[in-house]
Amino acid sequence: MSMLTPPGMGGKYRITGDKYPRMRRPSGRRRLVLAAVAALAAVGLIGWGTLQLIDVFTGGEASAAGTATGAAKAGDCAGRPEKKAPPLPEPRRITVNVLNATPRGGLAKETADELKKRGFTIDKVANAPKAYDKKVRGPGMVLGPRSAADTALPVLAAQLAGAEQRTDARKGTTVDLIIGNQFKALAGQRDAARTLAALATSRTASAKPSSADGKHC
């Protein structure tokens, strides 16, 4: 009876031959794969822990900023404040110098009297300085400080059809009406009123926010 024959088998079953099953160790390639998977898992855990620490010490500011930026990009112009143009001043709040740049006498006085009837405050009535004397080819020019470019000048220009509007570096708020070579008369009061109404309407329309499609935001 062979030594490998289990006892009690009575020799009925025997193991013959010289080859037996063996338990093999894992191959080197398998060990490398397992090690790589473990390393990746460790790196992921470290990264997640780092992000958690950053979030704790910053109070989530980075995340909040990213969310706000995304919301701003996705939004439209509805939340933006309207850009309002300055209101047009009343004639009584505009002080005007009436200057004659033509060789015709008496135009400054007549024009100043008419502007006064329309509510403007008149300061100087005189001939134009040399820089403009006989050099204004059109009906006239309204001239004032840069601060008046969007307020007093358009109101005064509405009184004279075709008047050129310019600004200079002067201080104060007084504006000039310089009578030019093609001057005939001031615009009618009704015509001036219509011009001012159209100007006010266009300024109101331009102050409205752009459409919500965001094309002009």
N, C-alpha and C. Protein backbone atom coordinates (compact mmCIF):
# COMPACT_ATOMS: atom_id res chain seq x y z
N MET A 1 0.86 -1.20 0.00
CA MET A 1 0.00 0.00 0.00
C MET A 1 0.88 1.23 0.00
N SER A 2 0.52 2.15 -0.82
CA SER A 2 1.30 3.38 -0.90
C SER A 2 1.07 4.22 0.33
N MET A 3 2.05 5.01 0.67
CA MET A 3 1.93 5.91 1.83
C MET A 3 0.88 6.99 1.57
N LEU A 4 0.53 7.24 0.31
CA LEU A 4 -0.44 8.28 -0.01
C LEU A 4 -1.85 7.75 -0.02
N THR A 5 -2.02 6.41 0.15
CA THR A 5 -3.36 5.83 0.15
C THR A 5 -4.02 6.12 1.47
N PRO A 6 -5.18 6.81 1.47
CA PRO A 6 -5.83 7.14 2.74
C PRO A 6 -6.13 5.89 3.51
N PRO A 7 -6.00 5.96 4.83
CA PRO A 7 -6.27 4.78 5.64
C PRO A 7 -7.72 4.39 5.55
N GLY A 8 -8.02 3.15 5.63
CA GLY A 8 -9.38 2.66 5.57
C GLY A 8 -9.87 2.42 4.18
N MET A 9 -9.06 2.77 3.18
CA MET A 9 -9.48 2.58 1.80
C MET A 9 -9.19 1.16 1.34
N GLY A 10 -8.46 0.44 2.16
CA GLY A 10 -8.18 -0.96 1.84
C GLY A 10 -7.40 -1.14 0.58
N GLY A 11 -6.68 -0.12 0.27
CA GLY A 11 -5.86 -0.23 -0.92
C GLY A 11 -6.63 -0.18 -2.20
N LYS A 12 -7.94 0.12 -2.09
CA LYS A 12 -8.75 0.13 -3.31
C LYS A 12 -8.41 1.30 -4.21
N TYR A 13 -8.15 2.42 -3.55
CA TYR A 13 -7.80 3.62 -4.32
C TYR A 13 -6.37 3.98 -4.04
N ARG A 14 -5.63 4.16 -5.07
CA ARG A 14 -4.23 4.51 -4.92
C ARG A 14 -3.89 5.73 -5.80
N ILE A 15 -2.95 6.44 -5.35
CA ILE A 15 -2.41 7.57 -6.15
C ILE A 15 -1.11 7.11 -6.72
N THR A 16 -1.06 7.10 -7.98
CA THR A 16 0.14 6.64 -8.65
C THR A 16 0.78 7.77 -9.39
N GLY A 17 1.96 7.59 -9.81
CA GLY A 17 2.69 8.58 -10.56
C GLY A 17 3.52 9.48 -9.65
N ASP A 18 4.32 10.29 -10.28
CA ASP A 18 5.21 11.15 -9.50
C ASP A 18 4.88 12.63 -9.65
N LYS A 19 3.65 13.04 -10.19
CA LYS A 19 3.26 14.45 -10.37
C LYS A 19 2.07 14.74 -9.49
N TYR A 20 2.13 15.78 -8.74
CA TYR A 20 1.08 16.14 -7.79
C TYR A 20 0.67 17.61 -8.00
N PRO A 21 -0.58 17.96 -7.72
CA PRO A 21 -1.00 19.39 -7.86
C PRO A 21 -0.28 20.28 -6.86
N ARG A 22 0.13 21.45 -7.33
CA ARG A 22 0.84 22.40 -6.48
C ARG A 22 0.14 23.79 -6.49
N MET A 23 0.24 24.54 -5.39
CA MET A 23 -0.27 25.92 -5.28
C MET A 23 0.82 26.88 -5.72
N ARG A 24 0.55 27.56 -6.84
CA ARG A 24 1.57 28.48 -7.37
C ARG A 24 1.41 29.90 -6.81
N ARG A 25 2.48 30.57 -6.66
CA ARG A 25 2.45 31.98 -6.25
C ARG A 25 1.98 32.87 -7.40
N PRO A 26 1.35 33.99 -7.06
CA PRO A 26 0.90 34.92 -8.13
C PRO A 26 2.07 35.36 -8.98
N SER A 27 1.81 35.52 -10.26
CA SER A 27 2.88 35.94 -11.17
C SER A 27 3.30 37.38 -10.90
N GLY A 28 4.47 37.75 -11.39
CA GLY A 28 4.98 39.11 -11.18
C GLY A 28 4.12 40.17 -11.85
N ARG A 29 3.55 39.88 -13.02
CA ARG A 29 2.70 40.84 -13.74
C ARG A 29 1.45 41.17 -12.93
N ARG A 30 0.87 40.14 -12.31
CA ARG A 30 -0.35 40.38 -11.53
C ARG A 30 -0.05 41.27 -10.33
N ARG A 31 1.12 41.02 -9.71
CA ARG A 31 1.50 41.87 -8.57
C ARG A 31 1.65 43.34 -8.99
N LEU A 32 2.20 43.57 -10.17
CA LEU A 32 2.38 44.95 -10.65
C LEU A 32 1.04 45.63 -10.88
N VAL A 33 0.07 44.92 -11.45
CA VAL A 33 -1.26 45.49 -11.71
C VAL A 33 -1.94 45.87 -10.40
N LEU A 34 -1.87 44.95 -9.43
CA LEU A 34 -2.49 45.24 -8.14
C LEU A 34 -1.84 46.44 -7.45
N ALA A 35 -0.52 46.54 -7.55
CA ALA A 35 0.19 47.67 -6.95
C ALA A 35 -0.20 48.99 -7.60
N ALA A 36 -0.36 48.99 -8.94
CA ALA A 36 -0.74 50.21 -9.65
C ALA A 36 -2.14 50.67 -9.26
N VAL A 37 -3.08 49.73 -9.15
CA VAL A 37 -4.44 50.08 -8.74
C VAL A 37 -4.46 50.67 -7.35
N ALA A 38 -3.69 50.08 -6.44
CA ALA A 38 -3.62 50.59 -5.07
C ALA A 38 -3.04 52.00 -5.04
N ALA A 39 -2.00 52.26 -5.87
CA ALA A 39 -1.37 53.59 -5.90
C ALA A 39 -2.34 54.65 -6.40
N LEU A 40 -3.11 54.32 -7.46
CA LEU A 40 -4.08 55.28 -7.99
C LEU A 40 -5.15 55.60 -6.96
N ALA A 41 -5.61 54.59 -6.25
CA ALA A 41 -6.62 54.82 -5.22
C ALA A 41 -6.08 55.73 -4.12
N ALA A 42 -4.81 55.54 -3.76
CA ALA A 42 -4.21 56.38 -2.71
C ALA A 42 -4.10 57.82 -3.17
N VAL A 43 -3.67 58.03 -4.43
CA VAL A 43 -3.55 59.40 -4.96
C VAL A 43 -4.91 60.09 -4.98
N GLY A 44 -5.96 59.36 -5.37
CA GLY A 44 -7.30 59.95 -5.40
C GLY A 44 -7.75 60.37 -4.02
N LEU A 45 -7.50 59.54 -3.04
CA LEU A 45 -7.89 59.89 -1.67
C LEU A 45 -7.13 61.11 -1.17
N ILE A 46 -5.84 61.20 -1.49
CA ILE A 46 -5.04 62.36 -1.06
C ILE A 46 -5.56 63.63 -1.70
N GLY A 47 -5.86 63.56 -3.00
CA GLY A 47 -6.38 64.75 -3.68
C GLY A 47 -7.71 65.20 -3.12
N TRP A 48 -8.60 64.26 -2.86
CA TRP A 48 -9.90 64.61 -2.29
C TRP A 48 -9.74 65.25 -0.92
N GLY A 49 -8.83 64.70 -0.13
CA GLY A 49 -8.60 65.28 1.20
C GLY A 49 -8.04 66.68 1.13
N THR A 50 -7.15 66.93 0.14
CA THR A 50 -6.59 68.28 -0.02
C THR A 50 -7.67 69.29 -0.37
N LEU A 51 -8.57 68.93 -1.28
CA LEU A 51 -9.66 69.82 -1.65
C LEU A 51 -10.55 70.12 -0.46
N GLN A 52 -10.79 69.11 0.36
CA GLN A 52 -11.62 69.34 1.54
C GLN A 52 -10.97 70.32 2.50
N LEU A 53 -9.65 70.23 2.67
CA LEU A 53 -8.95 71.17 3.55
C LEU A 53 -8.99 72.59 2.99
N ILE A 54 -8.80 72.73 1.69
CA ILE A 54 -8.86 74.06 1.07
C ILE A 54 -10.23 74.68 1.27
N ASP A 55 -11.26 73.86 1.09
CA ASP A 55 -12.62 74.36 1.24
C ASP A 55 -12.89 74.80 2.68
N VAL A 56 -12.31 74.10 3.63
CA VAL A 56 -12.52 74.45 5.03
C VAL A 56 -11.89 75.80 5.36
N PHE A 57 -10.64 76.02 4.91
CA PHE A 57 -9.93 77.23 5.27
C PHE A 57 -10.34 78.45 4.46
N THR A 58 -10.88 78.23 3.28
CA THR A 58 -11.35 79.37 2.47
C THR A 58 -12.82 79.64 2.64
N GLY A 59 -13.51 78.79 3.37
CA GLY A 59 -14.94 79.00 3.57
C GLY A 59 -15.75 78.79 2.32
N GLY A 60 -15.22 78.02 1.37
CA GLY A 60 -15.95 77.74 0.14
C GLY A 60 -15.98 78.90 -0.82
N GLU A 61 -15.02 79.85 -0.65
CA GLU A 61 -15.04 81.04 -1.51
C GLU A 61 -14.80 80.68 -2.96
N ALA A 62 -13.88 79.74 -3.20
CA ALA A 62 -13.57 79.39 -4.59
C ALA A 62 -14.79 78.82 -5.27
N SER A 63 -15.51 77.95 -4.58
CA SER A 63 -16.70 77.36 -5.18
C SER A 63 -17.77 78.39 -5.43
N ALA A 64 -17.96 79.29 -4.46
CA ALA A 64 -18.98 80.33 -4.60
C ALA A 64 -18.66 81.25 -5.76
N ALA A 65 -17.35 81.60 -5.90
CA ALA A 65 -16.96 82.48 -7.00
C ALA A 65 -17.21 81.83 -8.33
N GLY A 66 -16.89 80.51 -8.42
CA GLY A 66 -17.13 79.82 -9.68
C GLY A 66 -18.59 79.77 -10.02
N THR A 67 -19.44 79.55 -9.02
CA THR A 67 -20.89 79.50 -9.26
C THR A 67 -21.41 80.85 -9.71
N ALA A 68 -20.92 81.93 -9.06
CA ALA A 68 -21.38 83.27 -9.43
C ALA A 68 -20.97 83.62 -10.84
N THR A 69 -19.73 83.23 -11.22
CA THR A 69 -19.26 83.53 -12.59
C THR A 69 -20.11 82.81 -13.61
N GLY A 70 -20.42 81.55 -13.35
CA GLY A 70 -21.26 80.81 -14.28
C GLY A 70 -22.63 81.40 -14.41
N ALA A 71 -23.19 81.86 -13.28
CA ALA A 71 -24.52 82.46 -13.33
C ALA A 71 -24.51 83.75 -14.11
N ALA A 72 -23.42 84.52 -13.96
CA ALA A 72 -23.34 85.79 -14.68
C ALA A 72 -23.26 85.57 -16.18
N LYS A 73 -22.50 84.53 -16.60
CA LYS A 73 -22.39 84.24 -18.03
C LYS A 73 -23.70 83.75 -18.60
N ALA A 74 -24.42 83.01 -17.79
CA ALA A 74 -25.67 82.44 -18.28
C ALA A 74 -26.81 83.45 -18.26
N GLY A 75 -26.64 84.54 -17.50
CA GLY A 75 -27.73 85.51 -17.37
C GLY A 75 -27.83 86.42 -18.56
N ASP A 76 -28.75 87.40 -18.45
CA ASP A 76 -28.92 88.38 -19.50
C ASP A 76 -28.77 89.77 -18.93
N CYS A 77 -29.24 90.77 -19.64
CA CYS A 77 -29.08 92.16 -19.23
C CYS A 77 -30.12 92.61 -18.23
N ALA A 78 -31.05 91.75 -17.88
CA ALA A 78 -32.17 92.19 -17.04
C ALA A 78 -31.71 92.70 -15.69
N GLY A 79 -30.60 92.13 -15.17
CA GLY A 79 -30.16 92.54 -13.84
C GLY A 79 -29.27 93.76 -13.84
N ARG A 80 -28.94 94.29 -14.99
CA ARG A 80 -28.04 95.43 -15.05
C ARG A 80 -28.81 96.74 -14.90
N PRO A 81 -28.22 97.71 -14.18
CA PRO A 81 -28.91 98.99 -14.04
C PRO A 81 -28.96 99.75 -15.35
N GLU A 82 -30.01 100.52 -15.54
CA GLU A 82 -30.14 101.30 -16.75
C GLU A 82 -29.14 102.46 -16.75
N LYS A 83 -28.60 102.74 -17.90
CA LYS A 83 -27.71 103.87 -18.05
C LYS A 83 -28.55 105.07 -18.48
N LYS A 84 -28.78 105.98 -17.56
CA LYS A 84 -29.67 107.10 -17.82
C LYS A 84 -28.89 108.31 -18.31
N ALA A 85 -29.37 108.95 -19.36
CA ALA A 85 -28.78 110.18 -19.84
C ALA A 85 -29.20 111.31 -18.92
N PRO A 86 -28.36 112.33 -18.75
CA PRO A 86 -28.75 113.45 -17.89
C PRO A 86 -29.98 114.15 -18.44
N PRO A 87 -30.85 114.64 -17.59
CA PRO A 87 -32.07 115.31 -18.07
C PRO A 87 -31.74 116.62 -18.78
N LEU A 88 -32.56 116.97 -19.74
CA LEU A 88 -32.38 118.24 -20.43
C LEU A 88 -32.78 119.38 -19.51
N PRO A 89 -31.95 120.40 -19.38
CA PRO A 89 -32.29 121.52 -18.48
C PRO A 89 -33.35 122.43 -19.10
N GLU A 90 -34.09 123.10 -18.24
CA GLU A 90 -35.06 124.09 -18.71
C GLU A 90 -34.31 125.31 -19.22
N PRO A 91 -34.88 126.05 -20.20
CA PRO A 91 -34.19 127.23 -20.75
C PRO A 91 -33.78 128.24 -19.69
N ARG A 92 -34.60 128.40 -18.64
CA ARG A 92 -34.29 129.41 -17.62
C ARG A 92 -33.02 129.06 -16.84
N ARG A 93 -32.59 127.82 -16.92
CA ARG A 93 -31.38 127.40 -16.23
C ARG A 93 -30.14 127.48 -17.13
N ILE A 94 -30.32 127.97 -18.34
CA ILE A 94 -29.20 128.08 -19.29
C ILE A 94 -28.87 129.56 -19.51
N THR A 95 -27.63 129.92 -19.20
CA THR A 95 -27.16 131.29 -19.41
C THR A 95 -26.43 131.37 -20.74
N VAL A 96 -26.83 132.34 -21.58
CA VAL A 96 -26.34 132.40 -22.97
C VAL A 96 -25.67 133.74 -23.25
N ASN A 97 -24.50 133.67 -23.91
CA ASN A 97 -23.89 134.84 -24.53
C ASN A 97 -24.27 134.82 -26.00
N VAL A 98 -24.83 135.91 -26.50
CA VAL A 98 -25.21 136.00 -27.91
C VAL A 98 -24.17 136.85 -28.61
N LEU A 99 -23.45 136.23 -29.58
CA LEU A 99 -22.32 136.89 -30.24
C LEU A 99 -22.55 136.91 -31.74
N ASN A 100 -22.32 138.05 -32.35
CA ASN A 100 -22.55 138.25 -33.78
C ASN A 100 -21.24 138.10 -34.53
N ALA A 101 -21.15 137.09 -35.39
CA ALA A 101 -19.94 136.87 -36.19
C ALA A 101 -20.13 137.31 -37.63
N THR A 102 -21.17 138.10 -37.91
CA THR A 102 -21.45 138.58 -39.27
C THR A 102 -21.21 140.09 -39.34
N PRO A 103 -21.10 140.62 -40.56
CA PRO A 103 -20.96 142.07 -40.70
C PRO A 103 -22.28 142.82 -40.53
N ARG A 104 -23.38 142.11 -40.36
CA ARG A 104 -24.68 142.75 -40.22
C ARG A 104 -24.91 143.19 -38.78
N GLY A 105 -25.24 144.41 -38.59
CA GLY A 105 -25.42 144.95 -37.25
C GLY A 105 -26.80 144.64 -36.67
N GLY A 106 -26.87 144.55 -35.36
CA GLY A 106 -28.15 144.41 -34.67
C GLY A 106 -28.63 142.98 -34.50
N LEU A 107 -27.98 141.98 -35.11
CA LEU A 107 -28.45 140.62 -35.03
C LEU A 107 -28.34 140.04 -33.61
N ALA A 108 -27.27 140.38 -32.93
CA ALA A 108 -27.07 139.84 -31.58
C ALA A 108 -28.17 140.33 -30.64
N LYS A 109 -28.50 141.61 -30.73
CA LYS A 109 -29.52 142.19 -29.85
C LYS A 109 -30.90 141.57 -30.14
N GLU A 110 -31.27 141.47 -31.40
CA GLU A 110 -32.56 140.90 -31.77
C GLU A 110 -32.67 139.43 -31.34
N THR A 111 -31.59 138.69 -31.56
CA THR A 111 -31.61 137.27 -31.20
C THR A 111 -31.66 137.09 -29.69
N ALA A 112 -30.92 137.92 -28.96
CA ALA A 112 -30.92 137.83 -27.50
C ALA A 112 -32.31 138.12 -26.94
N ASP A 113 -33.00 139.11 -27.51
CA ASP A 113 -34.35 139.44 -27.04
C ASP A 113 -35.31 138.27 -27.27
N GLU A 114 -35.19 137.62 -28.42
CA GLU A 114 -36.07 136.49 -28.71
C GLU A 114 -35.78 135.30 -27.78
N LEU A 115 -34.50 135.04 -27.52
CA LEU A 115 -34.16 133.95 -26.60
C LEU A 115 -34.66 134.25 -25.18
N LYS A 116 -34.62 135.51 -24.81
CA LYS A 116 -35.11 135.89 -23.48
C LYS A 116 -36.61 135.62 -23.37
N LYS A 117 -37.35 135.88 -24.45
CA LYS A 117 -38.78 135.60 -24.45
C LYS A 117 -39.06 134.10 -24.29
N ARG A 118 -38.15 133.30 -24.77
CA ARG A 118 -38.32 131.85 -24.70
C ARG A 118 -37.84 131.26 -23.37
N GLY A 119 -37.40 132.13 -22.48
CA GLY A 119 -37.04 131.68 -21.13
C GLY A 119 -35.57 131.59 -20.83
N PHE A 120 -34.70 131.80 -21.82
CA PHE A 120 -33.26 131.72 -21.57
C PHE A 120 -32.76 132.93 -20.80
N THR A 121 -31.70 132.72 -20.02
CA THR A 121 -31.06 133.81 -19.29
C THR A 121 -29.94 134.37 -20.16
N ILE A 122 -29.98 135.66 -20.41
CA ILE A 122 -29.01 136.29 -21.31
C ILE A 122 -27.92 136.97 -20.49
N ASP A 123 -26.67 136.76 -20.88
CA ASP A 123 -25.54 137.41 -20.21
C ASP A 123 -24.95 138.48 -21.11
N LYS A 124 -24.03 138.12 -22.01
CA LYS A 124 -23.39 139.10 -22.87
C LYS A 124 -24.06 139.15 -24.24
N VAL A 125 -24.14 140.35 -24.80
CA VAL A 125 -24.61 140.56 -26.17
C VAL A 125 -23.53 141.39 -26.85
N ALA A 126 -22.79 140.78 -27.77
CA ALA A 126 -21.63 141.48 -28.33
C ALA A 126 -21.24 140.86 -29.67
N ASN A 127 -20.17 141.44 -30.27
CA ASN A 127 -19.61 140.86 -31.48
C ASN A 127 -18.77 139.63 -31.10
N ALA A 128 -18.64 138.70 -32.01
CA ALA A 128 -17.86 137.49 -31.76
C ALA A 128 -16.37 137.81 -31.72
N PRO A 129 -15.60 137.06 -30.97
CA PRO A 129 -14.14 137.27 -30.94
C PRO A 129 -13.51 136.97 -32.30
N LYS A 130 -12.26 137.39 -32.47
CA LYS A 130 -11.60 137.24 -33.76
C LYS A 130 -11.53 135.78 -34.23
N ALA A 131 -11.45 134.88 -33.29
CA ALA A 131 -11.35 133.47 -33.67
C ALA A 131 -12.57 132.99 -34.45
N TYR A 132 -13.72 133.69 -34.29
CA TYR A 132 -14.95 133.29 -34.97
C TYR A 132 -15.54 134.38 -35.86
N ASP A 133 -15.06 135.58 -35.77
CA ASP A 133 -15.63 136.69 -36.54
C ASP A 133 -15.54 136.42 -38.04
N LYS A 134 -16.72 136.38 -38.68
CA LYS A 134 -16.84 136.14 -40.12
C LYS A 134 -16.27 134.77 -40.54
N LYS A 135 -16.18 133.84 -39.60
CA LYS A 135 -15.64 132.52 -39.88
C LYS A 135 -16.65 131.39 -39.65
N VAL A 136 -17.86 131.76 -39.25
CA VAL A 136 -18.90 130.75 -39.05
C VAL A 136 -19.75 130.75 -40.31
N ARG A 137 -19.59 129.75 -41.15
CA ARG A 137 -20.23 129.75 -42.46
C ARG A 137 -21.70 129.39 -42.41
N GLY A 138 -22.10 128.57 -41.49
CA GLY A 138 -23.49 128.15 -41.41
C GLY A 138 -24.34 129.20 -40.72
N PRO A 139 -25.56 128.82 -40.31
CA PRO A 139 -26.45 129.77 -39.64
C PRO A 139 -25.96 130.16 -38.26
N GLY A 140 -25.16 129.31 -37.64
CA GLY A 140 -24.67 129.66 -36.32
C GLY A 140 -23.98 128.49 -35.64
N MET A 141 -23.49 128.76 -34.45
CA MET A 141 -22.77 127.75 -33.67
C MET A 141 -23.12 127.94 -32.19
N VAL A 142 -23.33 126.83 -31.50
CA VAL A 142 -23.48 126.88 -30.05
C VAL A 142 -22.21 126.28 -29.46
N LEU A 143 -21.63 126.99 -28.51
CA LEU A 143 -20.32 126.65 -27.98
C LEU A 143 -20.37 126.71 -26.46
N GLY A 144 -19.81 125.71 -25.81
CA GLY A 144 -19.83 125.70 -24.35
C GLY A 144 -18.86 124.70 -23.77
N PRO A 145 -18.85 124.54 -22.45
CA PRO A 145 -17.94 123.59 -21.80
C PRO A 145 -18.33 122.15 -22.11
N ARG A 146 -17.41 121.24 -21.89
CA ARG A 146 -17.68 119.83 -22.17
C ARG A 146 -18.85 119.30 -21.34
N SER A 147 -19.02 119.85 -20.15
CA SER A 147 -20.11 119.40 -19.29
C SER A 147 -21.48 119.73 -19.87
N ALA A 148 -21.53 120.67 -20.83
CA ALA A 148 -22.80 121.08 -21.43
C ALA A 148 -23.09 120.34 -22.73
N ALA A 149 -22.19 119.46 -23.15
CA ALA A 149 -22.34 118.81 -24.46
C ALA A 149 -23.62 118.01 -24.56
N ASP A 150 -24.08 117.46 -23.45
CA ASP A 150 -25.25 116.60 -23.48
C ASP A 150 -26.45 117.22 -22.77
N THR A 151 -26.30 118.49 -22.41
CA THR A 151 -27.37 119.14 -21.66
C THR A 151 -27.77 120.48 -22.28
N ALA A 152 -27.04 121.54 -21.94
CA ALA A 152 -27.42 122.88 -22.39
C ALA A 152 -27.26 123.09 -23.89
N LEU A 153 -26.19 122.54 -24.46
CA LEU A 153 -25.94 122.80 -25.88
C LEU A 153 -27.05 122.27 -26.79
N PRO A 154 -27.51 121.04 -26.63
CA PRO A 154 -28.60 120.59 -27.52
C PRO A 154 -29.90 121.37 -27.33
N VAL A 155 -30.15 121.85 -26.11
CA VAL A 155 -31.37 122.66 -25.89
C VAL A 155 -31.26 123.98 -26.63
N LEU A 156 -30.09 124.61 -26.55
CA LEU A 156 -29.89 125.88 -27.25
C LEU A 156 -29.86 125.67 -28.76
N ALA A 157 -29.23 124.57 -29.22
CA ALA A 157 -29.15 124.29 -30.65
C ALA A 157 -30.52 124.05 -31.25
N ALA A 158 -31.47 123.59 -30.46
CA ALA A 158 -32.83 123.35 -30.97
C ALA A 158 -33.50 124.66 -31.38
N GLN A 159 -33.00 125.79 -30.90
CA GLN A 159 -33.59 127.09 -31.23
C GLN A 159 -33.12 127.63 -32.57
N LEU A 160 -32.07 127.00 -33.14
CA LEU A 160 -31.53 127.47 -34.41
C LEU A 160 -31.25 126.27 -35.29
N ALA A 161 -32.09 126.07 -36.29
CA ALA A 161 -31.94 124.92 -37.19
C ALA A 161 -30.59 124.97 -37.90
N GLY A 162 -29.87 123.85 -37.88
CA GLY A 162 -28.59 123.77 -38.56
C GLY A 162 -27.43 124.28 -37.76
N ALA A 163 -27.63 124.61 -36.50
CA ALA A 163 -26.54 125.14 -35.68
C ALA A 163 -25.51 124.05 -35.39
N GLU A 164 -24.24 124.40 -35.47
CA GLU A 164 -23.16 123.48 -35.14
C GLU A 164 -22.92 123.49 -33.63
N GLN A 165 -22.62 122.33 -33.08
CA GLN A 165 -22.38 122.23 -31.64
C GLN A 165 -20.91 121.89 -31.39
N ARG A 166 -20.28 122.69 -30.53
CA ARG A 166 -18.88 122.46 -30.18
C ARG A 166 -18.67 122.70 -28.69
N THR A 167 -17.58 122.12 -28.18
CA THR A 167 -17.20 122.35 -26.79
C THR A 167 -15.78 122.89 -26.74
N ASP A 168 -15.46 123.56 -25.65
CA ASP A 168 -14.10 124.05 -25.43
C ASP A 168 -13.72 123.81 -23.97
N ALA A 169 -12.57 124.34 -23.57
CA ALA A 169 -12.04 124.06 -22.24
C ALA A 169 -12.44 125.12 -21.21
N ARG A 170 -13.46 125.88 -21.47
CA ARG A 170 -13.87 126.93 -20.54
C ARG A 170 -14.38 126.35 -19.23
N LYS A 171 -14.36 127.19 -18.21
CA LYS A 171 -14.92 126.81 -16.92
C LYS A 171 -16.29 127.46 -16.77
N GLY A 172 -17.08 126.93 -15.88
CA GLY A 172 -18.43 127.46 -15.69
C GLY A 172 -19.43 126.76 -16.57
N THR A 173 -20.63 127.32 -16.62
CA THR A 173 -21.74 126.68 -17.35
C THR A 173 -22.31 127.56 -18.46
N THR A 174 -21.83 128.77 -18.60
CA THR A 174 -22.36 129.67 -19.63
C THR A 174 -22.01 129.16 -21.02
N VAL A 175 -22.96 129.28 -21.94
CA VAL A 175 -22.75 128.83 -23.32
C VAL A 175 -22.93 130.02 -24.27
N ASP A 176 -22.37 129.88 -25.47
CA ASP A 176 -22.44 130.95 -26.48
C ASP A 176 -23.32 130.54 -27.65
N LEU A 177 -24.07 131.49 -28.15
CA LEU A 177 -24.72 131.34 -29.44
C LEU A 177 -24.04 132.32 -30.38
N ILE A 178 -23.27 131.80 -31.33
CA ILE A 178 -22.53 132.63 -32.27
C ILE A 178 -23.30 132.65 -33.58
N ILE A 179 -23.72 133.83 -34.00
CA ILE A 179 -24.52 133.97 -35.21
C ILE A 179 -23.62 133.91 -36.44
N GLY A 180 -23.94 132.99 -37.39
CA GLY A 180 -23.10 132.79 -38.56
C GLY A 180 -23.59 133.52 -39.80
N ASN A 181 -22.82 133.37 -40.87
CA ASN A 181 -23.08 134.11 -42.11
C ASN A 181 -24.41 133.75 -42.75
N GLN A 182 -24.91 132.54 -42.57
CA GLN A 182 -26.17 132.12 -43.19
C GLN A 182 -27.37 132.28 -42.25
N PHE A 183 -27.19 132.99 -41.19
CA PHE A 183 -28.29 133.18 -40.24
C PHE A 183 -29.40 134.03 -40.84
N LYS A 184 -30.63 133.57 -40.66
CA LYS A 184 -31.80 134.34 -41.08
C LYS A 184 -32.70 134.66 -39.89
N ALA A 185 -32.99 133.63 -39.12
CA ALA A 185 -33.82 133.83 -37.93
C ALA A 185 -33.75 132.56 -37.09
N LEU A 186 -34.17 132.68 -35.83
CA LEU A 186 -34.27 131.50 -34.98
C LEU A 186 -35.39 130.59 -35.48
N ALA A 187 -35.31 129.34 -35.14
CA ALA A 187 -36.39 128.41 -35.48
C ALA A 187 -37.67 128.84 -34.76
N GLY A 188 -38.81 128.58 -35.37
CA GLY A 188 -40.08 128.88 -34.71
C GLY A 188 -40.17 128.14 -33.37
N GLN A 189 -40.93 128.69 -32.44
CA GLN A 189 -41.03 128.07 -31.13
C GLN A 189 -41.62 126.66 -31.21
N ARG A 190 -42.60 126.46 -32.09
CA ARG A 190 -43.17 125.13 -32.23
C ARG A 190 -42.16 124.15 -32.78
N ASP A 191 -41.40 124.61 -33.78
CA ASP A 191 -40.37 123.74 -34.35
C ASP A 191 -39.32 123.39 -33.30
N ALA A 192 -38.92 124.38 -32.51
CA ALA A 192 -37.93 124.13 -31.46
C ALA A 192 -38.48 123.15 -30.43
N ALA A 193 -39.77 123.29 -30.11
CA ALA A 193 -40.38 122.38 -29.13
C ALA A 193 -40.43 120.96 -29.67
N ARG A 194 -40.73 120.81 -30.95
CA ARG A 194 -40.75 119.46 -31.56
C ARG A 194 -39.35 118.85 -31.57
N THR A 195 -38.35 119.66 -31.85
CA THR A 195 -36.97 119.17 -31.85
C THR A 195 -36.57 118.69 -30.47
N LEU A 196 -36.93 119.45 -29.44
CA LEU A 196 -36.61 119.04 -28.07
C LEU A 196 -37.35 117.78 -27.67
N ALA A 197 -38.62 117.66 -28.09
CA ALA A 197 -39.40 116.46 -27.77
C ALA A 197 -38.78 115.22 -28.41
N ALA A 198 -38.36 115.35 -29.67
CA ALA A 198 -37.72 114.22 -30.36
C ALA A 198 -36.40 113.86 -29.68
N LEU A 199 -35.66 114.88 -29.25
CA LEU A 199 -34.39 114.62 -28.57
C LEU A 199 -34.62 113.88 -27.25
N ALA A 200 -35.62 114.32 -26.49
CA ALA A 200 -35.92 113.66 -25.22
C ALA A 200 -36.34 112.21 -25.44
N THR A 201 -37.13 111.97 -26.49
CA THR A 201 -37.58 110.60 -26.78
C THR A 201 -36.41 109.70 -27.16
N SER A 202 -35.50 110.20 -27.98
CA SER A 202 -34.35 109.40 -28.39
C SER A 202 -33.44 109.09 -27.22
N ARG A 203 -33.30 110.04 -26.29
CA ARG A 203 -32.46 109.80 -25.12
C ARG A 203 -33.08 108.76 -24.20
N THR A 204 -34.40 108.78 -24.08
CA THR A 204 -35.08 107.78 -23.25
C THR A 204 -34.93 106.39 -23.85
N ALA A 205 -35.05 106.29 -25.18
CA ALA A 205 -34.93 104.99 -25.84
C ALA A 205 -33.52 104.44 -25.71
N SER A 206 -32.51 105.30 -25.82
CA SER A 206 -31.13 104.83 -25.73
C SER A 206 -30.75 104.43 -24.33
N ALA A 207 -31.50 104.91 -23.32
CA ALA A 207 -31.20 104.58 -21.93
C ALA A 207 -31.75 103.23 -21.52
N LYS A 208 -32.66 102.64 -22.32
CA LYS A 208 -33.25 101.36 -21.95
C LYS A 208 -32.23 100.26 -22.10
N PRO A 209 -32.29 99.20 -21.24
CA PRO A 209 -31.34 98.09 -21.35
C PRO A 209 -31.55 97.31 -22.63
N SER A 210 -30.51 96.63 -23.08
CA SER A 210 -30.59 95.84 -24.30
C SER A 210 -31.51 94.65 -24.09
N SER A 211 -31.93 94.03 -25.19
CA SER A 211 -32.81 92.88 -25.13
C SER A 211 -32.15 91.74 -24.39
N ALA A 212 -32.99 90.83 -23.88
CA ALA A 212 -32.50 89.74 -23.04
C ALA A 212 -31.71 88.69 -23.80
N ASP A 213 -31.60 88.83 -25.12
CA ASP A 213 -30.83 87.82 -25.85
C ASP A 213 -29.34 87.97 -25.63
N GLY A 214 -28.94 89.07 -24.99
CA GLY A 214 -27.55 89.25 -24.62
C GLY A 214 -26.65 89.71 -25.74
N LYS A 215 -27.19 90.01 -26.91
CA LYS A 215 -26.35 90.38 -28.04
C LYS A 215 -25.65 91.72 -27.81
N HIS A 216 -26.27 92.59 -27.03
CA HIS A 216 -25.69 93.91 -26.83
C HIS A 216 -25.32 94.15 -25.38
N CYS A 217 -25.19 93.11 -24.58
CA CYS A 217 -24.86 93.27 -23.16
C CYS A 217 -23.40 93.65 -23.00
